Amino acid sequence: MGEEFRYKIIIDPVHGDIGLSKLEIELIDTSTFQRLRRIKQLGFAYTVYPNARHSRFEHSLGVMHIMSRILESLLNKDKGAVSEDDYRKLRIAALLHDIGHYPYSHLMEKIDWDSTRKYISKKGQSEGTETSLPKEYPKHDKLGEIVITKRKNIKEKLEEHNIDPKDIAALVKGQHQSIPNLLNASLDVDRLDYLVRDSLNTGLPYGKVDLNYIVNNLELTDEKELVVRAKARSSIEHMLMGRYFMFNTVYMHKTVFAFEEVIRRIVLILWKKSKIYTSGEDIEEMARTDSEEFLAFDDGYLDKLIDKYANDSRDKRLAALCKAVKLRKPPKLVYEISELTLDNSRPSEKCTILRENWGTKVKEFAKDEKIKIPEERWIFRDIKGPEFEKLHPFMSLAEASEFKDIGAQEIRELVKVKERTGRITNLIEDEGSVLHYISRLKPTLCRIYVVGIDDVKADRIRAKIKKWLEPERSN
C-alpha cells in the first residue's frame, strides 16, 4: 500500500524488516501496548526451554506483518479484494489482537472455577462461612475489546485517524460483518506467526512452516472467505501437523503444564484470601479505566505475589506452592495416560477407571501410611484434546456438531481448499488429505502430579497407582 507503511522500520528475527505507519507507531508507543513487552508469549515454557522468553509485544508485530503480506498477496490477484480503509483496519486489528492478555498469557483465564469448591471455605469450617464461587475471569479477547473501545490512549488514537474502535474490536474477535475474518480461523495470521516464532525461540523444528508458499496461494472467495489453492495443500497439512506437535512438545510439556497448574492453585488460594482480583467485573473495570493498575497487570504482577508469599509462615501450603515456582521445583508427574482412539471408540479401561474413581482414590492415597501425602498436594487433570479450541483440525465435523456452542461461524473457520475446478471443500473432509483421517482420532491425556515430593516418594506412588490401574503389569 506504499510509503504509508514504511514510516518506520523495525528489524525482527523471524520476518526481517517490518514496516509501520505513523498511526501504528503511535499505538505501539502507548503505555497500554508497551505492557505487552512484559507478558511472555509462552508462559512458563522458559522453565524447560530457556530461550522461550519472547513476549506478546514482538508476536503482535509479527502478526501485523503477516497480515500485511497476505493482504498484498490478495491484492496482487484481485485489485478489489480489500479497500484501503479495510487494509488499514486489518493491520491495526492484527497489531492489537493480544492487547487484553493476562500475566503469563493464557494462564489466569484458564482456571476451572467449578473444581475449586474443596479449596474454598465451607460453612462451619474455622476459616469462615460458605464462600460463593467468583464470576469467571473474562477471556483475553473480551478484555481486548474493552481496552480497544474504552481505554483512552488506544480509543482516542484510533478516533483521531477516523477509525471506529468498534470495527477493530469486531475484527479482533472475527465478528465483523463486512471485512474478511483473517484473525480467527484454523488458518490465520496469529497462528502463522506464533508457530514460527515459538519454534525459533524454543529451538524446536516443528513450527517451521512454508510461510511464503502459503501466503502466495491464498485467495478470497466472493463471500470473503479465505481459501488456499489445492497445490499448497501439503504446506497447510505440514503447518497443522506442526501445530499438533508443538502443542504436545511445548504447550503441554509435562513440566510447563505442572508449573501452570501450581500457579492456578496459588491464584485460587489468593482469591480465597482476597489477595488477588476476586471477580471478573474488577478485572474488566481495571482494563476500562486509565489508571496505572492495568499497566502493572503483567508477568511481574504474579511474580511479586509469588515472592511475597513464598515465606508466608501463616499458610504453609501457599508458601510451599510459591517456593516450588520460585526455586523451579515442579510437581512430580507420577502417572500419565496418553491415548489416540477413533472418534467412535471408547477410552481404555484404565482411563475410565481413573476418571470415575479418582475423587475416592486420592483420599485413600492421602491416608496410606507408606505415602502420607495430603489430598491438596495431588493434582489430577483430564485434558480434553491436543488443543484448547473446541473445534480444531483434529476434530471431525460430526464430533463438532455434538457441541451446543459450536455453530456455523466455527465451521466457516476451518481451513478451506480451492481445487483447480473452482470447487471449495473443508480440508478435513478431503479424502486426499492425511488430515481427513487424522481428524477421526480423539486424543486423551490424563495426568497425576504430586507437589513437594522427591524421586523416591514419586516411585513409590507410581507403583501404587500402577497396581491400581494396571494390575496385570504389577504381578
Foldseek 3Di string as FASTA:
>chain_A
DPCQQQPDWDQDPQPGTQGHHPLRVLLCPDLLNVLQQQAQPQQLLCLVQVLSRGTPQVLLSQLLRLLLLLVVLQCVVPVVLDDPVLNVLLSVLSNLLQSQAFANGCLQQPFDQVPCLVVADDDPDPVDHHDDTAAHADGSLVLSLLLQQFPCSNVVSCVVVVHHSNQSSCQSVQRDDPAANQNDFLHHSSLLRVLSVSCVRSVHDLSDAPSVQQSNQWYADPSRAIAGAPVCQVRSLSNQVSVLVCLVVRNVPPLSVQLSVLLSSLVSNCLNVVNDDVYNVVSSVVSRYNDCVSSCRYNVVSVVVLVVLLPPPVDVVSVLSSCCNVVVPGFDWLDKDKDKDFQPDDDDPLVVCCVVCVVVVLVVQCPDPLQVAHSVQKDKDKDFASDPDLDHLQADPVRSVVDPPDDPVRVSRAHWYQYPVRDIDRQLCDPVDPSVVNSRITIIMMIMTGGDDDPVSSNVVSLVSCCVRPVVVND
